[in-house]
């Protein structure tokens, strides 16, 4: 399986196990970064928007990692401009990985875990290197 197929399989397993994982991911985020609750109070749709953006970027890694990283650099700068520190932005990918990887199973479990781990590591490096 290629990287795109591995990520797609992992997301299919997550949906089978959890349905929409958005709530679980944001529960972790609010626990770790309680200041984020203010964004939810301002806009109830912000969770869905953020989750969709992050999943879209993650899926693009398999086909076009360079474009995915450019998008993440732009998102990093945007988040800092609206007051979201890099640690929180990186924390979103950590929370996503924790929730989603808990659903991996079957013969491709280790490949899925490794693909996500590598992508999250690249994303963290990209976030750290983004110019503000």
N, C-alpha and C. Protein backbone atom coordinates (compact mmCIF):
# COMPACT_ATOMS: atom_id res chain seq x y z
N UNK A 1 0.85 -1.19 0.00
CA UNK A 1 0.00 0.00 0.00
C UNK A 1 0.89 1.25 0.00
N UNK A 2 0.45 2.25 -0.74
CA UNK A 2 1.20 3.50 -0.74
C UNK A 2 0.78 4.36 0.45
N UNK A 3 1.51 5.44 0.74
CA UNK A 3 1.19 6.26 1.92
C UNK A 3 -0.24 6.81 1.93
N UNK A 4 -0.76 7.21 0.78
CA UNK A 4 -2.14 7.71 0.74
C UNK A 4 -3.14 6.63 1.13
N UNK A 5 -2.91 5.44 0.62
CA UNK A 5 -3.80 4.32 0.94
C UNK A 5 -3.73 3.95 2.42
N UNK A 6 -2.53 4.04 2.99
CA UNK A 6 -2.36 3.74 4.43
C UNK A 6 -3.13 4.76 5.27
N UNK A 7 -3.00 6.03 4.94
CA UNK A 7 -3.72 7.07 5.69
C UNK A 7 -5.23 6.89 5.50
N UNK A 8 -5.65 6.62 4.27
CA UNK A 8 -7.08 6.43 4.01
C UNK A 8 -7.62 5.24 4.79
N UNK A 9 -6.88 4.12 4.82
CA UNK A 9 -7.30 2.95 5.60
C UNK A 9 -7.40 3.30 7.08
N UNK A 10 -6.45 4.05 7.58
CA UNK A 10 -6.47 4.41 9.01
C UNK A 10 -7.70 5.25 9.33
N UNK A 11 -8.05 6.16 8.44
CA UNK A 11 -9.24 6.99 8.67
C UNK A 11 -10.52 6.17 8.56
N UNK A 12 -10.55 5.20 7.66
CA UNK A 12 -11.71 4.31 7.56
C UNK A 12 -11.88 3.53 8.86
N UNK A 13 -10.77 3.02 9.41
CA UNK A 13 -10.86 2.27 10.66
C UNK A 13 -11.34 3.17 11.80
N UNK A 14 -10.90 4.40 11.79
CA UNK A 14 -11.33 5.34 12.83
C UNK A 14 -12.83 5.58 12.74
N UNK A 15 -13.32 5.83 11.54
CA UNK A 15 -14.75 6.08 11.37
C UNK A 15 -15.56 4.84 11.76
N UNK A 16 -15.07 3.66 11.41
CA UNK A 16 -15.75 2.42 11.81
C UNK A 16 -15.83 2.29 13.32
N UNK A 17 -14.75 2.65 13.99
CA UNK A 17 -14.67 2.48 15.45
C UNK A 17 -15.35 3.60 16.22
N UNK A 18 -15.20 4.84 15.75
CA UNK A 18 -15.64 5.99 16.54
C UNK A 18 -16.74 6.82 15.88
N UNK A 19 -16.96 6.61 14.61
CA UNK A 19 -17.78 7.57 13.89
C UNK A 19 -16.92 8.80 13.66
N UNK A 20 -17.46 9.95 13.88
CA UNK A 20 -16.71 11.20 13.72
C UNK A 20 -15.84 11.42 14.95
N UNK A 21 -14.51 11.43 14.80
CA UNK A 21 -13.61 11.57 15.95
C UNK A 21 -13.42 13.00 16.44
N UNK A 22 -14.08 13.96 15.80
CA UNK A 22 -13.86 15.37 16.13
C UNK A 22 -14.06 15.64 17.62
N UNK A 23 -15.15 15.15 18.17
CA UNK A 23 -15.45 15.41 19.58
C UNK A 23 -14.36 14.90 20.51
N UNK A 24 -13.86 13.70 20.25
CA UNK A 24 -12.80 13.14 21.10
C UNK A 24 -11.50 13.93 20.98
N UNK A 25 -11.18 14.35 19.77
CA UNK A 25 -9.96 15.13 19.56
C UNK A 25 -10.06 16.45 20.31
N UNK A 26 -11.20 17.13 20.20
CA UNK A 26 -11.32 18.42 20.86
C UNK A 26 -11.47 18.28 22.38
N UNK A 27 -12.00 17.17 22.85
CA UNK A 27 -12.04 16.95 24.29
C UNK A 27 -10.61 16.93 24.85
N UNK A 28 -9.71 16.26 24.13
CA UNK A 28 -8.30 16.26 24.55
C UNK A 28 -7.70 17.66 24.47
N UNK A 29 -8.03 18.37 23.41
CA UNK A 29 -7.48 19.72 23.24
C UNK A 29 -7.95 20.65 24.35
N UNK A 30 -9.24 20.61 24.69
CA UNK A 30 -9.76 21.49 25.74
C UNK A 30 -9.19 21.12 27.11
N UNK A 31 -8.93 19.83 27.30
CA UNK A 31 -8.31 19.38 28.55
C UNK A 31 -6.89 19.92 28.66
N UNK A 32 -6.16 19.88 27.57
CA UNK A 32 -4.77 20.31 27.56
C UNK A 32 -4.60 21.82 27.40
N UNK A 33 -5.53 22.44 26.68
CA UNK A 33 -5.44 23.87 26.37
C UNK A 33 -6.80 24.53 26.62
N UNK A 34 -7.17 24.73 27.86
CA UNK A 34 -8.51 25.24 28.19
C UNK A 34 -8.83 26.60 27.56
N UNK A 35 -7.82 27.39 27.23
CA UNK A 35 -8.07 28.69 26.61
C UNK A 35 -8.76 28.56 25.25
N UNK A 36 -8.66 27.39 24.64
CA UNK A 36 -9.30 27.19 23.33
C UNK A 36 -10.83 27.22 23.41
N UNK A 37 -11.37 27.02 24.58
CA UNK A 37 -12.83 27.05 24.72
C UNK A 37 -13.41 28.38 24.25
N UNK A 38 -12.64 29.43 24.34
CA UNK A 38 -13.10 30.74 23.88
C UNK A 38 -13.42 30.74 22.40
N UNK A 39 -12.66 30.00 21.61
CA UNK A 39 -12.93 29.93 20.17
C UNK A 39 -14.26 29.23 19.90
N UNK A 40 -14.54 28.19 20.69
CA UNK A 40 -15.81 27.48 20.52
C UNK A 40 -16.98 28.38 20.91
N UNK A 41 -16.79 29.17 21.94
CA UNK A 41 -17.85 30.09 22.37
C UNK A 41 -18.12 31.16 21.31
N UNK A 42 -17.07 31.58 20.60
CA UNK A 42 -17.22 32.60 19.55
C UNK A 42 -17.86 32.03 18.29
N UNK A 43 -17.54 30.77 17.96
CA UNK A 43 -18.02 30.17 16.73
C UNK A 43 -18.19 28.67 16.93
N UNK A 44 -19.42 28.23 16.97
CA UNK A 44 -19.70 26.81 17.23
C UNK A 44 -19.17 25.89 16.13
N UNK A 45 -18.99 26.42 14.94
CA UNK A 45 -18.52 25.60 13.82
C UNK A 45 -17.00 25.50 13.71
N UNK A 46 -16.29 26.17 14.58
CA UNK A 46 -14.84 26.21 14.44
C UNK A 46 -14.20 24.84 14.56
N UNK A 47 -14.74 23.96 15.40
CA UNK A 47 -14.17 22.63 15.56
C UNK A 47 -14.23 21.86 14.24
N UNK A 48 -15.40 21.88 13.60
CA UNK A 48 -15.55 21.16 12.34
C UNK A 48 -14.63 21.72 11.26
N UNK A 49 -14.53 23.03 11.20
CA UNK A 49 -13.65 23.66 10.22
C UNK A 49 -12.20 23.25 10.45
N UNK A 50 -11.75 23.37 11.70
CA UNK A 50 -10.36 23.03 12.02
C UNK A 50 -10.08 21.56 11.73
N UNK A 51 -10.99 20.70 12.13
CA UNK A 51 -10.79 19.27 11.94
C UNK A 51 -10.72 18.94 10.45
N UNK A 52 -11.60 19.53 9.68
CA UNK A 52 -11.61 19.29 8.23
C UNK A 52 -10.30 19.74 7.60
N UNK A 53 -9.80 20.90 7.99
CA UNK A 53 -8.54 21.41 7.45
C UNK A 53 -7.38 20.48 7.79
N UNK A 54 -7.34 20.02 9.01
CA UNK A 54 -6.24 19.17 9.45
C UNK A 54 -6.27 17.82 8.76
N UNK A 55 -7.44 17.23 8.65
CA UNK A 55 -7.56 15.94 7.95
C UNK A 55 -7.20 16.09 6.48
N UNK A 56 -7.67 17.16 5.86
CA UNK A 56 -7.35 17.39 4.45
C UNK A 56 -5.85 17.49 4.25
N UNK A 57 -5.17 18.24 5.12
CA UNK A 57 -3.71 18.35 5.02
C UNK A 57 -3.03 17.00 5.24
N UNK A 58 -3.53 16.27 6.19
CA UNK A 58 -2.93 14.98 6.48
C UNK A 58 -3.06 14.04 5.29
N UNK A 59 -4.23 14.03 4.66
CA UNK A 59 -4.45 13.16 3.51
C UNK A 59 -3.59 13.58 2.32
N UNK A 60 -3.31 14.85 2.19
CA UNK A 60 -2.51 15.31 1.05
C UNK A 60 -1.04 14.90 1.18
N UNK A 61 -0.60 14.52 2.37
CA UNK A 61 0.78 14.09 2.56
C UNK A 61 1.15 12.93 1.63
N UNK A 62 0.25 12.00 1.46
CA UNK A 62 0.55 10.83 0.64
C UNK A 62 0.80 11.18 -0.82
N UNK A 63 0.04 12.14 -1.34
CA UNK A 63 0.14 12.50 -2.75
C UNK A 63 1.12 13.64 -2.99
N UNK A 64 1.15 14.60 -2.08
CA UNK A 64 1.93 15.81 -2.32
C UNK A 64 2.40 16.42 -0.99
N UNK A 65 3.41 15.81 -0.38
CA UNK A 65 3.85 16.31 0.93
C UNK A 65 4.36 17.75 0.91
N UNK A 66 4.97 18.17 -0.19
CA UNK A 66 5.49 19.53 -0.25
C UNK A 66 4.38 20.56 -0.15
N UNK A 67 3.29 20.33 -0.87
CA UNK A 67 2.15 21.24 -0.81
C UNK A 67 1.51 21.21 0.57
N UNK A 68 1.40 20.02 1.15
CA UNK A 68 0.82 19.90 2.50
C UNK A 68 1.65 20.71 3.49
N UNK A 69 2.96 20.64 3.41
CA UNK A 69 3.81 21.38 4.34
C UNK A 69 3.72 22.89 4.10
N UNK A 70 3.60 23.31 2.86
CA UNK A 70 3.41 24.74 2.58
C UNK A 70 2.11 25.25 3.19
N UNK A 71 1.07 24.45 3.08
CA UNK A 71 -0.22 24.82 3.67
C UNK A 71 -0.09 24.92 5.18
N UNK A 72 0.60 23.99 5.79
CA UNK A 72 0.77 24.00 7.24
C UNK A 72 1.60 25.21 7.67
N UNK A 73 2.62 25.59 6.91
CA UNK A 73 3.39 26.80 7.24
C UNK A 73 2.48 28.02 7.23
N UNK A 74 1.64 28.12 6.19
CA UNK A 74 0.70 29.24 6.13
C UNK A 74 -0.27 29.22 7.31
N UNK A 75 -0.75 28.03 7.64
CA UNK A 75 -1.68 27.90 8.76
C UNK A 75 -1.01 28.27 10.08
N UNK A 76 0.27 27.94 10.21
CA UNK A 76 1.01 28.28 11.43
C UNK A 76 1.04 29.78 11.64
N UNK A 77 1.39 30.49 10.59
CA UNK A 77 1.46 31.96 10.67
C UNK A 77 0.07 32.52 10.98
N UNK A 78 -0.94 32.01 10.31
CA UNK A 78 -2.31 32.46 10.57
C UNK A 78 -2.70 32.24 12.03
N UNK A 79 -2.41 31.05 12.55
CA UNK A 79 -2.77 30.75 13.93
C UNK A 79 -2.05 31.66 14.91
N UNK A 80 -0.80 31.94 14.66
CA UNK A 80 -0.08 32.86 15.55
C UNK A 80 -0.68 34.26 15.51
N UNK A 81 -1.10 34.69 14.32
CA UNK A 81 -1.71 36.01 14.19
C UNK A 81 -3.02 36.13 14.97
N UNK A 82 -3.73 35.01 15.12
CA UNK A 82 -4.99 35.06 15.89
C UNK A 82 -4.78 34.63 17.34
N UNK A 83 -3.51 34.47 17.74
CA UNK A 83 -3.21 34.21 19.14
C UNK A 83 -3.09 32.76 19.55
N UNK A 84 -2.96 31.86 18.59
CA UNK A 84 -2.80 30.44 18.92
C UNK A 84 -1.31 30.10 18.82
N UNK A 85 -0.69 29.80 19.96
CA UNK A 85 0.74 29.48 19.96
C UNK A 85 1.05 28.21 19.18
N UNK A 86 2.29 28.12 18.73
CA UNK A 86 2.72 26.94 17.97
C UNK A 86 2.55 25.65 18.77
N UNK A 87 2.77 25.71 20.07
CA UNK A 87 2.63 24.49 20.88
C UNK A 87 1.20 23.96 20.82
N UNK A 88 0.24 24.87 20.77
CA UNK A 88 -1.17 24.46 20.69
C UNK A 88 -1.46 23.89 19.31
N UNK A 89 -0.94 24.53 18.27
CA UNK A 89 -1.16 24.04 16.92
C UNK A 89 -0.55 22.65 16.76
N UNK A 90 0.67 22.46 17.28
CA UNK A 90 1.28 21.13 17.25
C UNK A 90 0.46 20.15 18.09
N UNK A 91 -0.06 20.64 19.19
CA UNK A 91 -0.87 19.79 20.07
C UNK A 91 -2.10 19.23 19.40
N UNK A 92 -2.64 19.96 18.44
CA UNK A 92 -3.80 19.46 17.69
C UNK A 92 -3.44 18.19 16.93
N UNK A 93 -2.28 18.21 16.30
CA UNK A 93 -1.84 17.01 15.56
C UNK A 93 -1.54 15.86 16.52
N UNK A 94 -1.02 16.18 17.70
CA UNK A 94 -0.77 15.13 18.70
C UNK A 94 -2.08 14.51 19.17
N UNK A 95 -3.06 15.35 19.44
CA UNK A 95 -4.36 14.84 19.90
C UNK A 95 -5.02 14.00 18.81
N UNK A 96 -4.94 14.48 17.59
CA UNK A 96 -5.49 13.72 16.46
C UNK A 96 -4.83 12.35 16.37
N UNK A 97 -3.51 12.33 16.44
CA UNK A 97 -2.78 11.07 16.36
C UNK A 97 -3.17 10.12 17.50
N UNK A 98 -3.28 10.65 18.70
CA UNK A 98 -3.64 9.80 19.84
C UNK A 98 -5.02 9.17 19.66
N UNK A 99 -5.98 9.97 19.25
CA UNK A 99 -7.35 9.46 19.10
C UNK A 99 -7.43 8.47 17.94
N UNK A 100 -6.87 8.84 16.82
CA UNK A 100 -7.00 8.01 15.63
C UNK A 100 -6.19 6.71 15.76
N UNK A 101 -4.98 6.80 16.27
CA UNK A 101 -4.14 5.60 16.35
C UNK A 101 -4.72 4.56 17.30
N UNK A 102 -5.56 4.98 18.22
CA UNK A 102 -6.17 4.01 19.14
C UNK A 102 -7.15 3.08 18.42
N UNK A 103 -7.50 3.41 17.19
CA UNK A 103 -8.46 2.58 16.44
C UNK A 103 -7.78 1.66 15.43
N UNK A 104 -6.48 1.80 15.22
CA UNK A 104 -5.79 1.01 14.21
C UNK A 104 -5.79 -0.46 14.60
N UNK A 105 -5.99 -1.31 13.61
CA UNK A 105 -5.94 -2.76 13.84
C UNK A 105 -5.68 -3.46 12.52
N UNK A 106 -5.46 -4.74 12.59
CA UNK A 106 -5.27 -5.55 11.40
C UNK A 106 -3.83 -5.60 10.93
N UNK A 107 -3.64 -6.19 9.75
CA UNK A 107 -2.28 -6.43 9.25
C UNK A 107 -1.49 -5.17 8.92
N UNK A 108 -2.16 -4.03 8.76
CA UNK A 108 -1.45 -2.79 8.41
C UNK A 108 -1.32 -1.84 9.61
N UNK A 109 -1.60 -2.34 10.81
CA UNK A 109 -1.57 -1.48 11.99
C UNK A 109 -0.22 -0.78 12.16
N UNK A 110 0.86 -1.52 12.06
CA UNK A 110 2.17 -0.89 12.27
C UNK A 110 2.48 0.11 11.16
N UNK A 111 2.09 -0.17 9.94
CA UNK A 111 2.32 0.77 8.83
C UNK A 111 1.51 2.05 9.04
N UNK A 112 0.28 1.90 9.53
CA UNK A 112 -0.56 3.08 9.79
C UNK A 112 0.07 3.93 10.90
N UNK A 113 0.46 3.27 11.98
CA UNK A 113 1.05 3.98 13.10
C UNK A 113 2.32 4.72 12.66
N UNK A 114 3.15 4.04 11.89
CA UNK A 114 4.40 4.65 11.44
C UNK A 114 4.13 5.81 10.48
N UNK A 115 3.18 5.65 9.58
CA UNK A 115 2.86 6.74 8.64
C UNK A 115 2.38 7.98 9.40
N UNK A 116 1.50 7.79 10.36
CA UNK A 116 1.01 8.92 11.15
C UNK A 116 2.12 9.54 11.98
N UNK A 117 2.94 8.69 12.60
CA UNK A 117 4.03 9.20 13.42
C UNK A 117 4.99 10.04 12.59
N UNK A 118 5.35 9.54 11.41
CA UNK A 118 6.26 10.29 10.54
C UNK A 118 5.64 11.60 10.08
N UNK A 119 4.37 11.56 9.71
CA UNK A 119 3.70 12.79 9.26
C UNK A 119 3.62 13.81 10.38
N UNK A 120 3.26 13.37 11.57
CA UNK A 120 3.18 14.29 12.70
C UNK A 120 4.56 14.89 13.00
N UNK A 121 5.58 14.08 12.91
CA UNK A 121 6.94 14.58 13.14
C UNK A 121 7.31 15.64 12.09
N UNK A 122 6.99 15.39 10.83
CA UNK A 122 7.26 16.37 9.78
C UNK A 122 6.45 17.65 10.00
N UNK A 123 5.22 17.49 10.43
CA UNK A 123 4.36 18.64 10.70
C UNK A 123 4.93 19.47 11.84
N UNK A 124 5.36 18.82 12.90
CA UNK A 124 5.97 19.54 14.03
C UNK A 124 7.17 20.34 13.56
N UNK A 125 8.03 19.72 12.74
CA UNK A 125 9.21 20.41 12.23
C UNK A 125 8.80 21.59 11.36
N UNK A 126 7.78 21.41 10.56
CA UNK A 126 7.29 22.48 9.69
C UNK A 126 6.75 23.64 10.52
N UNK A 127 5.98 23.33 11.55
CA UNK A 127 5.42 24.37 12.41
C UNK A 127 6.54 25.15 13.10
N UNK A 128 7.54 24.45 13.57
CA UNK A 128 8.66 25.11 14.24
C UNK A 128 9.46 26.01 13.29
N UNK A 129 9.53 25.62 12.03
CA UNK A 129 10.35 26.38 11.09
C UNK A 129 9.58 27.50 10.38
N UNK A 130 8.29 27.57 10.56
CA UNK A 130 7.48 28.60 9.88
C UNK A 130 7.86 29.98 10.37
N UNK A 131 8.01 30.89 9.45
CA UNK A 131 8.32 32.28 9.81
C UNK A 131 7.06 32.98 10.26
N UNK A 132 7.19 33.74 11.32
CA UNK A 132 6.03 34.47 11.84
C UNK A 132 6.01 35.88 11.27
